[in-house]
Protein backbone atom coordinates (compact mmCIF):
# COMPACT_ATOMS: atom_id res chain seq x y z
CA MET A 1 6.35 -11.69 2.45
CA LYS A 2 6.42 -14.79 4.59
CA ASP A 3 8.76 -16.61 2.19
CA LEU A 4 11.25 -13.76 1.90
CA ASP A 5 13.93 -12.95 4.43
CA PRO A 6 13.29 -9.29 5.33
CA GLY A 7 16.96 -8.70 6.03
CA GLN A 8 17.90 -9.89 2.55
CA VAL A 9 15.19 -7.73 0.97
CA LEU A 10 16.44 -4.64 2.80
CA ALA A 11 20.08 -5.45 2.02
CA ALA A 12 19.31 -5.80 -1.68
CA LEU A 13 17.92 -2.27 -1.99
CA PRO A 14 20.09 0.14 -3.99
CA SER A 15 20.05 2.67 -1.12
CA PRO A 16 19.07 2.36 2.51
CA PRO A 17 15.41 3.17 3.16
CA GLU A 18 14.20 5.64 5.74
CA PRO A 19 13.96 4.17 9.26
CA TYR A 20 10.18 4.62 9.32
CA ALA A 21 9.85 2.63 6.09
CA VAL A 22 11.97 -0.15 7.62
CA GLU A 23 9.77 -0.14 10.74
CA LEU A 24 6.62 -0.46 8.61
CA PHE A 25 8.10 -3.17 6.40
CA LEU A 26 9.30 -5.29 9.30
CA GLY A 27 6.24 -4.64 11.44
CA VAL A 28 3.75 -5.58 8.74
CA GLY A 29 5.76 -8.68 7.91
CA ARG A 30 5.99 -9.73 11.55
CA ARG A 31 2.26 -9.20 12.21
CA ALA A 32 0.84 -10.15 8.80
CA ASP A 33 -1.46 -12.89 10.09
CA GLU A 34 -2.89 -10.70 12.84
CA LEU A 35 -3.33 -7.76 10.45
CA ASP A 36 -5.08 -10.02 7.95
CA GLU A 37 -7.51 -11.12 10.66
CA LEU A 38 -8.29 -7.50 11.54
CA VAL A 39 -8.83 -6.54 7.91
CA ALA A 40 -10.89 -9.66 7.13
CA ALA A 41 -13.15 -9.05 10.12
CA GLN A 42 -13.80 -5.49 8.96
CA SER A 43 -14.41 -6.43 5.32
CA ALA A 44 -16.76 -9.34 5.90
CA SER A 45 -18.15 -9.34 2.37
CA TRP A 46 -14.68 -9.45 0.75
CA ALA A 47 -12.24 -12.28 1.31
CA LEU A 48 -8.61 -11.16 1.42
CA ASP A 49 -7.71 -13.24 -1.61
CA ARG A 50 -10.45 -11.51 -3.65
CA MET A 51 -9.15 -8.02 -2.92
CA PRO A 52 -6.81 -6.33 -5.36
CA ALA A 53 -3.24 -6.91 -4.14
CA VAL A 54 -2.63 -3.17 -3.78
CA ASP A 55 -5.71 -2.78 -1.55
CA ARG A 56 -4.70 -5.73 0.59
CA GLN A 57 -1.21 -4.33 1.15
CA LEU A 58 -2.47 -0.81 1.84
CA LEU A 59 -4.93 -2.17 4.39
CA ARG A 60 -2.21 -4.19 6.12
CA LEU A 61 0.10 -1.19 6.24
CA ALA A 62 -2.58 1.16 7.55
CA ALA A 63 -3.82 -1.40 10.08
CA PHE A 64 -0.27 -1.70 11.40
CA GLU A 65 -0.01 2.08 11.74
CA LEU A 66 -3.36 2.26 13.50
CA ALA A 67 -2.36 -0.51 15.91
CA GLU A 68 1.28 0.37 16.55
CA ARG A 69 1.81 4.05 15.84
CA PRO A 70 -0.53 6.12 18.01
CA ASP A 71 1.64 9.15 17.20
CA VAL A 72 0.29 9.07 13.63
CA PRO A 73 -3.23 10.54 13.62
CA VAL A 74 -6.08 8.37 12.36
CA ALA A 75 -6.96 10.93 9.69
CA VAL A 76 -3.41 10.84 8.33
CA VAL A 77 -3.32 7.04 8.19
CA ILE A 78 -6.65 6.84 6.38
CA ASP A 79 -6.03 9.76 4.04
CA GLU A 80 -2.65 8.44 2.92
CA ALA A 81 -4.03 4.95 2.27
CA VAL A 82 -7.02 6.35 0.36
CA GLU A 83 -4.79 8.55 -1.79
CA LEU A 84 -2.52 5.62 -2.61
CA ALA A 85 -5.56 3.51 -3.50
CA LYS A 86 -6.81 6.27 -5.82
CA GLN A 87 -3.44 6.46 -7.53
CA TYR A 88 -2.47 2.80 -7.76
CA SER A 89 -5.59 0.63 -7.55
CA THR A 90 -9.06 0.29 -9.03
CA GLU A 91 -11.71 2.95 -9.46
CA ASP A 92 -13.66 1.69 -6.43
CA SER A 93 -10.67 0.97 -4.19
CA SER A 94 -10.46 4.34 -2.46
CA ARG A 95 -14.02 4.04 -1.12
CA PHE A 96 -13.43 0.43 -0.06
CA VAL A 97 -10.13 1.24 1.68
CA ASN A 98 -11.71 4.24 3.40
CA GLY A 99 -14.62 2.17 4.72
CA VAL A 100 -12.48 -0.68 6.01
CA LEU A 101 -10.01 1.66 7.69
CA ALA A 102 -12.73 3.79 9.27
CA GLY A 103 -14.13 0.64 10.87
CA LEU A 104 -10.67 -0.50 11.98
CA ALA A 105 -9.90 2.91 13.45
CA ALA A 106 -13.13 2.81 15.46
CA LYS A 107 -12.01 -0.53 16.95
CA LEU A 108 -8.30 0.16 17.38
CA ARG A 109 -8.49 3.81 18.43
CA PRO A 110 -12.01 4.41 19.71
CA GLY A 111 -11.10 7.70 21.39
CA GLU A 112 -9.94 9.43 18.23
CA VAL A 113 -12.33 11.27 15.97
CA ARG A 114 -11.67 11.37 12.27
CA ASP A 115 -11.88 14.99 11.15
CA ARG A 116 -13.04 14.65 7.60
């Protein structure tokens, strides 16, 4: 993402994306290094470059939502990321994504309780 111009990527799409999707895309791109640090600190036994690419991107996206979108409940952020991991990544990814995000949520939104 760092090598691509986000404006060009968005302009090249066949139809305009939803505003929330644009916010996520630009926000994750703008804060990628910080998000990577958060994810790496929570997944100490897994280096970012060893993670499946889908997991890495899902974790960045969810970390951004946890940090920047307090209007989106923790449970929703985690559940959506876990479901996407189940559908698009490895057999073990959903458990890994769930664990990393639960730890991130405890740090980023300590007052919220995950109702699951």
